[in-house]
């Protein structure tokens, strides 16, 4: 029995909503996600064959935690302000690696894995951009105000910058997607009041 992909990938939702408060946060988490998951996949490909099920779980957790911690230390070294704001969410990548391991993600073809990662990346960047533009009224405005960024309107909607705002923006994106892919009603069908 193949696991349901929607339920198994729901842990990506925490990473997606938490780290998409700004475009810079989304890019940083996407970069960390790509590097950690890519290295995890390469290492587990070599380590997986001789392992038992219990050994695979232990190695999977240790490897994912190690790679995620290394990414966090590198972020502390070179991108401290980003790491202080989004380091917690970047640490969740280790948990996501283990979930992907036991969901059969690595048994899929390279194209299927690429589609899932590209969809996650595109949604993360889109949410980051929309939340920054709607939340602050600008894109790329720094805290020091020396770089104004692209100012679209003077004041934003602060709710959108928070996690509840991320749920609202995601719900609006899902509603727009549903409206675009909804099949046309047949002309024979009639709605009754």
C-alpha atoms as a PDB file:
ATOM      1  CA  UNK A   1       0.000   0.000   0.000  1.00  0.00           C
ATOM      2  CA  UNK A   2       1.425   3.332  -1.047  1.00  0.00           C
ATOM      3  CA  UNK A   3       1.149   6.142   1.545  1.00  0.00           C
ATOM      4  CA  UNK A   4      -1.006   9.147   0.779  1.00  0.00           C
ATOM      5  CA  UNK A   5       1.333  11.934  -0.401  1.00  0.00           C
ATOM      6  CA  UNK A   6      -0.835  14.798   0.866  1.00  0.00           C
ATOM      7  CA  UNK A   7      -0.867  13.616   4.451  1.00  0.00           C
ATOM      8  CA  UNK A   8       2.789  12.656   4.548  1.00  0.00           C
ATOM      9  CA  UNK A   9       3.984  15.986   3.156  1.00  0.00           C
ATOM     10  CA  UNK A  10       1.872  18.070   5.524  1.00  0.00           C
ATOM     11  CA  UNK A  11       4.932  18.654   7.715  1.00  0.00           C
ATOM     12  CA  UNK A  12       6.217  20.876   4.918  1.00  0.00           C
ATOM     13  CA  UNK A  13       3.367  23.210   5.851  1.00  0.00           C
ATOM     14  CA  UNK A  14       5.129  24.311   9.044  1.00  0.00           C
ATOM     15  CA  UNK A  15       8.285  25.094   7.133  1.00  0.00           C
ATOM     16  CA  UNK A  16       6.309  26.776   4.364  1.00  0.00           C
ATOM     17  CA  UNK A  17       4.188  29.052   6.536  1.00  0.00           C
ATOM     18  CA  UNK A  18       6.782  29.839   9.178  1.00  0.00           C
ATOM     19  CA  UNK A  19       9.611  30.822   6.894  1.00  0.00           C
ATOM     20  CA  UNK A  20       7.671  32.752   4.264  1.00  0.00           C
ATOM     21  CA  UNK A  21       7.345  35.982   6.253  1.00  0.00           C
ATOM     22  CA  UNK A  22       9.667  37.713   3.813  1.00  0.00           C
ATOM     23  CA  UNK A  23      11.256  36.958   0.483  1.00  0.00           C
ATOM     24  CA  UNK A  24      14.723  36.847   2.071  1.00  0.00           C
ATOM     25  CA  UNK A  25      13.533  34.290   4.622  1.00  0.00           C
ATOM     26  CA  UNK A  26      11.920  32.186   1.913  1.00  0.00           C
ATOM     27  CA  UNK A  27      15.058  32.222  -0.242  1.00  0.00           C
ATOM     28  CA  UNK A  28      17.260  31.293   2.706  1.00  0.00           C
ATOM     29  CA  UNK A  29      15.066  28.389   3.803  1.00  0.00           C
ATOM     30  CA  UNK A  30      14.752  27.192   0.208  1.00  0.00           C
ATOM     31  CA  UNK A  31      18.524  27.235  -0.160  1.00  0.00           C
ATOM     32  CA  UNK A  32      19.007  25.376   3.137  1.00  0.00           C
ATOM     33  CA  UNK A  33      16.250  22.893   2.215  1.00  0.00           C
ATOM     34  CA  UNK A  34      17.805  22.193  -1.184  1.00  0.00           C
ATOM     35  CA  UNK A  35      21.295  21.649   0.197  1.00  0.00           C
ATOM     36  CA  UNK A  36      20.288  19.550   3.216  1.00  0.00           C
ATOM     37  CA  UNK A  37      17.771  17.355   1.377  1.00  0.00           C
ATOM     38  CA  UNK A  38      20.151  16.910  -1.568  1.00  0.00           C
ATOM     39  CA  UNK A  39      23.084  15.893   0.630  1.00  0.00           C
ATOM     40  CA  UNK A  40      20.792  13.699   2.725  1.00  0.00           C
ATOM     41  CA  UNK A  41      19.603  11.876  -0.390  1.00  0.00           C
ATOM     42  CA  UNK A  42      23.142  11.307  -1.646  1.00  0.00           C
ATOM     43  CA  UNK A  43      24.392  10.018   1.716  1.00  0.00           C
ATOM     44  CA  UNK A  44      21.384   7.773   2.344  1.00  0.00           C
ATOM     45  CA  UNK A  45      21.693   6.312  -1.134  1.00  0.00           C
ATOM     46  CA  UNK A  46      25.077   4.963  -0.117  1.00  0.00           C
ATOM     47  CA  UNK A  47      24.095   3.988   3.423  1.00  0.00           C
ATOM     48  CA  UNK A  48      20.599   2.521   2.850  1.00  0.00           C
ATOM     49  CA  UNK A  49      21.322  -0.898   1.247  1.00  0.00           C
ATOM     50  CA  UNK A  50      23.114  -2.668   4.120  1.00  0.00           C
ATOM     51  CA  UNK A  51      20.887  -1.254   6.885  1.00  0.00           C
ATOM     52  CA  UNK A  52      18.041  -2.984   8.688  1.00  0.00           C
ATOM     53  CA  UNK A  53      14.782  -1.123   9.281  1.00  0.00           C
ATOM     54  CA  UNK A  54      15.762  -0.086  12.811  1.00  0.00           C
ATOM     55  CA  UNK A  55      19.272   0.840  11.727  1.00  0.00           C
ATOM     56  CA  UNK A  56      17.874   2.868   8.863  1.00  0.00           C
ATOM     57  CA  UNK A  57      15.767   4.915  11.280  1.00  0.00           C
ATOM     58  CA  UNK A  58      18.734   5.644  13.551  1.00  0.00           C
ATOM     59  CA  UNK A  59      21.054   6.534  10.666  1.00  0.00           C
ATOM     60  CA  UNK A  60      18.344   8.615   9.030  1.00  0.00           C
ATOM     61  CA  UNK A  61      17.719  10.686  12.162  1.00  0.00           C
ATOM     62  CA  UNK A  62      21.419  11.151  12.904  1.00  0.00           C
ATOM     63  CA  UNK A  63      22.310  12.099   9.342  1.00  0.00           C
ATOM     64  CA  UNK A  64      19.390  14.515   8.963  1.00  0.00           C
ATOM     65  CA  UNK A  65      20.119  16.180  12.305  1.00  0.00           C
ATOM     66  CA  UNK A  66      23.823  16.463  11.477  1.00  0.00           C
ATOM     67  CA  UNK A  67      23.248  18.029   8.063  1.00  0.00           C
ATOM     68  CA  UNK A  68      20.607  20.392   9.394  1.00  0.00           C
ATOM     69  CA  UNK A  69      22.866  21.437  12.289  1.00  0.00           C
ATOM     70  CA  UNK A  70      25.774  22.041   9.915  1.00  0.00           C
ATOM     71  CA  UNK A  71      23.544  24.251   7.759  1.00  0.00           C
ATOM     72  CA  UNK A  72      22.464  26.125  10.897  1.00  0.00           C
ATOM     73  CA  UNK A  73      26.078  26.668  12.006  1.00  0.00           C
ATOM     74  CA  UNK A  74      27.029  27.933   8.546  1.00  0.00           C
ATOM     75  CA  UNK A  75      24.040  30.285   8.610  1.00  0.00           C
ATOM     76  CA  UNK A  76      25.156  31.574  12.020  1.00  0.00           C
ATOM     77  CA  UNK A  77      28.607  32.217  10.615  1.00  0.00           C
ATOM     78  CA  UNK A  78      27.666  34.040   7.403  1.00  0.00           C
ATOM     79  CA  UNK A  79      23.997  35.066   7.713  1.00  0.00           C
ATOM     80  CA  UNK A  80      23.461  35.742  11.403  1.00  0.00           C
ATOM     81  CA  UNK A  81      20.463  38.069  11.065  1.00  0.00           C
ATOM     82  CA  UNK A  82      18.701  35.572   8.788  1.00  0.00           C
ATOM     83  CA  UNK A  83      19.572  32.694  11.119  1.00  0.00           C
ATOM     84  CA  UNK A  84      18.205  34.514  14.163  1.00  0.00           C
ATOM     85  CA  UNK A  85      14.903  35.127  12.398  1.00  0.00           C
ATOM     86  CA  UNK A  86      14.447  31.825  10.572  1.00  0.00           C
ATOM     87  CA  UNK A  87      16.904  29.352  12.133  1.00  0.00           C
ATOM     88  CA  UNK A  88      14.139  27.527  13.979  1.00  0.00           C
ATOM     89  CA  UNK A  89      12.350  26.727  10.738  1.00  0.00           C
ATOM     90  CA  UNK A  90      15.552  25.687   9.018  1.00  0.00           C
ATOM     91  CA  UNK A  91      16.064  23.146  11.793  1.00  0.00           C
ATOM     92  CA  UNK A  92      12.764  21.497  10.836  1.00  0.00           C
ATOM     93  CA  UNK A  93      14.391  20.366   7.602  1.00  0.00           C
ATOM     94  CA  UNK A  94      15.885  17.416   9.508  1.00  0.00           C
ATOM     95  CA  UNK A  95      12.422  16.229  10.474  1.00  0.00           C
ATOM     96  CA  UNK A  96      11.275  16.644   6.904  1.00  0.00           C
ATOM     97  CA  UNK A  97      14.188  14.490   5.668  1.00  0.00           C
ATOM     98  CA  UNK A  98      13.118  11.626   7.942  1.00  0.00           C
ATOM     99  CA  UNK A  99       9.474  11.962   6.848  1.00  0.00           C
ATOM    100  CA  UNK A 100      10.512  11.908   3.190  1.00  0.00           C
ATOM    101  CA  UNK A 101      12.653   8.827   3.854  1.00  0.00           C
ATOM    102  CA  UNK A 102       9.750   6.833   5.253  1.00  0.00           C
ATOM    103  CA  UNK A 103       7.159   8.127   2.810  1.00  0.00           C
ATOM    104  CA  UNK A 104       8.865   6.570  -0.191  1.00  0.00           C
ATOM    105  CA  UNK A 105      10.074   9.889  -1.593  1.00  0.00           C
ATOM    106  CA  UNK A 106      13.452   8.437  -2.524  1.00  0.00           C
ATOM    107  CA  UNK A 107      11.792   5.522  -4.341  1.00  0.00           C
ATOM    108  CA  UNK A 108      10.188   7.903  -6.824  1.00  0.00           C
ATOM    109  CA  UNK A 109      11.781   8.853 -10.091  1.00  0.00           C
ATOM    110  CA  UNK A 110      14.044  11.875 -10.275  1.00  0.00           C
ATOM    111  CA  UNK A 111      11.392  13.753 -12.261  1.00  0.00           C
ATOM    112  CA  UNK A 112       8.711  13.126  -9.607  1.00  0.00           C
ATOM    113  CA  UNK A 113      11.041  14.233  -6.827  1.00  0.00           C
ATOM    114  CA  UNK A 114      12.031  17.292  -8.834  1.00  0.00           C
ATOM    115  CA  UNK A 115       8.383  18.236  -9.391  1.00  0.00           C
ATOM    116  CA  UNK A 116       7.597  18.022  -5.689  1.00  0.00           C
ATOM    117  CA  UNK A 117      10.655  20.077  -4.698  1.00  0.00           C
ATOM    118  CA  UNK A 118       9.990  22.637  -7.460  1.00  0.00           C
ATOM    119  CA  UNK A 119       6.371  22.970  -6.346  1.00  0.00           C
ATOM    120  CA  UNK A 120       7.474  23.470  -2.747  1.00  0.00           C
ATOM    121  CA  UNK A 121      10.097  26.039  -3.800  1.00  0.00           C
ATOM    122  CA  UNK A 122       7.729  27.956  -6.046  1.00  0.00           C
ATOM    123  CA  UNK A 123       5.049  28.072  -3.378  1.00  0.00           C
ATOM    124  CA  UNK A 124       7.570  29.153  -0.742  1.00  0.00           C
ATOM    125  CA  UNK A 125       8.868  32.003  -2.921  1.00  0.00           C
ATOM    126  CA  UNK A 126       5.360  33.066  -3.943  1.00  0.00           C
ATOM    127  CA  UNK A 127       4.155  33.106  -0.338  1.00  0.00           C
ATOM    128  CA  UNK A 128       7.273  34.988   0.774  1.00  0.00           C
ATOM    129  CA  UNK A 129       6.804  37.613  -1.912  1.00  0.00           C
ATOM    130  CA  UNK A 130       3.075  38.055  -1.336  1.00  0.00           C
ATOM    131  CA  UNK A 131       3.390  38.209   2.447  1.00  0.00           C
ATOM    132  CA  UNK A 132       6.210  40.753   2.299  1.00  0.00           C
ATOM    133  CA  UNK A 133       4.416  42.954  -0.224  1.00  0.00           C
ATOM    134  CA  UNK A 134       1.045  42.798   1.550  1.00  0.00           C
ATOM    135  CA  UNK A 135       2.471  42.835   5.074  1.00  0.00           C
ATOM    136  CA  UNK A 136       4.896  45.727   4.793  1.00  0.00           C
ATOM    137  CA  UNK A 137       3.805  47.442   1.601  1.00  0.00           C
ATOM    138  CA  UNK A 138       7.197  46.981   0.014  1.00  0.00           C
ATOM    139  CA  UNK A 139       9.543  44.361  -1.312  1.00  0.00           C
ATOM    140  CA  UNK A 140      13.096  44.351   0.010  1.00  0.00           C
ATOM    141  CA  UNK A 141      12.849  47.173   2.530  1.00  0.00           C
ATOM    142  CA  UNK A 142      15.576  46.785   5.124  1.00  0.00           C
ATOM    143  CA  UNK A 143      15.292  47.572   8.812  1.00  0.00           C
ATOM    144  CA  UNK A 144      17.995  50.234   8.581  1.00  0.00           C
ATOM    145  CA  UNK A 145      15.930  52.146   5.993  1.00  0.00           C
ATOM    146  CA  UNK A 146      19.078  52.875   3.981  1.00  0.00           C
ATOM    147  CA  UNK A 147      17.731  50.607   1.267  1.00  0.00           C
ATOM    148  CA  UNK A 148      14.100  51.430   0.614  1.00  0.00           C
ATOM    149  CA  UNK A 149      13.422  48.501  -1.691  1.00  0.00           C
ATOM    150  CA  UNK A 150      10.439  48.619  -3.984  1.00  0.00           C
ATOM    151  CA  UNK A 151       7.734  50.545  -2.119  1.00  0.00           C
ATOM    152  CA  UNK A 152       4.315  49.693  -3.458  1.00  0.00           C
ATOM    153  CA  UNK A 153       2.153  51.407  -0.844  1.00  0.00           C
ATOM    154  CA  UNK A 154       3.018  53.275   2.320  1.00  0.00           C
ATOM    155  CA  UNK A 155       1.597  50.943   4.947  1.00  0.00           C
ATOM    156  CA  UNK A 156       0.988  47.253   4.775  1.00  0.00           C
ATOM    157  CA  UNK A 157      -1.373  44.897   6.533  1.00  0.00           C
ATOM    158  CA  UNK A 158       0.559  43.713   9.592  1.00  0.00           C
ATOM    159  CA  UNK A 159      -1.653  40.630   9.986  1.00  0.00           C
ATOM    160  CA  UNK A 160      -0.282  39.202   6.744  1.00  0.00           C
ATOM    161  CA  UNK A 161       3.247  39.284   8.166  1.00  0.00           C
ATOM    162  CA  UNK A 162       2.183  36.979  11.009  1.00  0.00           C
ATOM    163  CA  UNK A 163       1.492  33.242  10.842  1.00  0.00           C
ATOM    164  CA  UNK A 164      -2.327  33.676  10.721  1.00  0.00           C
ATOM    165  CA  UNK A 165      -1.766  35.883   7.692  1.00  0.00           C
ATOM    166  CA  UNK A 166       0.204  33.082   6.085  1.00  0.00           C
ATOM    167  CA  UNK A 167      -2.845  30.827   6.438  1.00  0.00           C
ATOM    168  CA  UNK A 168      -5.025  33.518   4.872  1.00  0.00           C
ATOM    169  CA  UNK A 169      -2.683  34.023   1.907  1.00  0.00           C
ATOM    170  CA  UNK A 170      -2.331  30.263   1.408  1.00  0.00           C
ATOM    171  CA  UNK A 171      -6.119  29.847   1.513  1.00  0.00           C
ATOM    172  CA  UNK A 172      -6.528  32.594  -1.086  1.00  0.00           C
ATOM    173  CA  UNK A 173      -3.917  30.932  -3.325  1.00  0.00           C
ATOM    174  CA  UNK A 174      -5.660  27.569  -2.995  1.00  0.00           C
ATOM    175  CA  UNK A 175      -9.024  29.175  -3.790  1.00  0.00           C
ATOM    176  CA  UNK A 176      -7.543  30.846  -6.879  1.00  0.00           C
ATOM    177  CA  UNK A 177      -6.055  27.533  -8.001  1.00  0.00           C
ATOM    178  CA  UNK A 178      -9.376  25.779  -7.493  1.00  0.00           C
ATOM    179  CA  UNK A 179     -11.189  28.455  -9.480  1.00  0.00           C
ATOM    180  CA  UNK A 180      -8.733  28.072 -12.353  1.00  0.00           C
ATOM    181  CA  UNK A 181      -8.835  24.284 -12.597  1.00  0.00           C
ATOM    182  CA  UNK A 182     -12.512  23.763 -11.827  1.00  0.00           C
ATOM    183  CA  UNK A 183     -14.078  21.916 -14.716  1.00  0.00           C
ATOM    184  CA  UNK A 184     -16.717  23.781 -16.638  1.00  0.00           C
ATOM    185  CA  UNK A 185     -20.260  22.749 -15.884  1.00  0.00           C
ATOM    186  CA  UNK A 186     -21.987  20.977 -18.701  1.00  0.00           C
ATOM    187  CA  UNK A 187     -24.691  22.941 -20.384  1.00  0.00           C
ATOM    188  CA  UNK A 188     -27.104  20.098 -19.550  1.00  0.00           C
ATOM    189  CA  UNK A 189     -26.644  20.573 -15.826  1.00  0.00           C
ATOM    190  CA  UNK A 190     -28.861  23.087 -14.130  1.00  0.00           C
ATOM    191  CA  UNK A 191     -28.654  24.435 -10.634  1.00  0.00           C
ATOM    192  CA  UNK A 192     -31.765  24.311  -8.560  1.00  0.00           C
ATOM    193  CA  UNK A 193     -32.389  26.743  -5.723  1.00  0.00           C
END
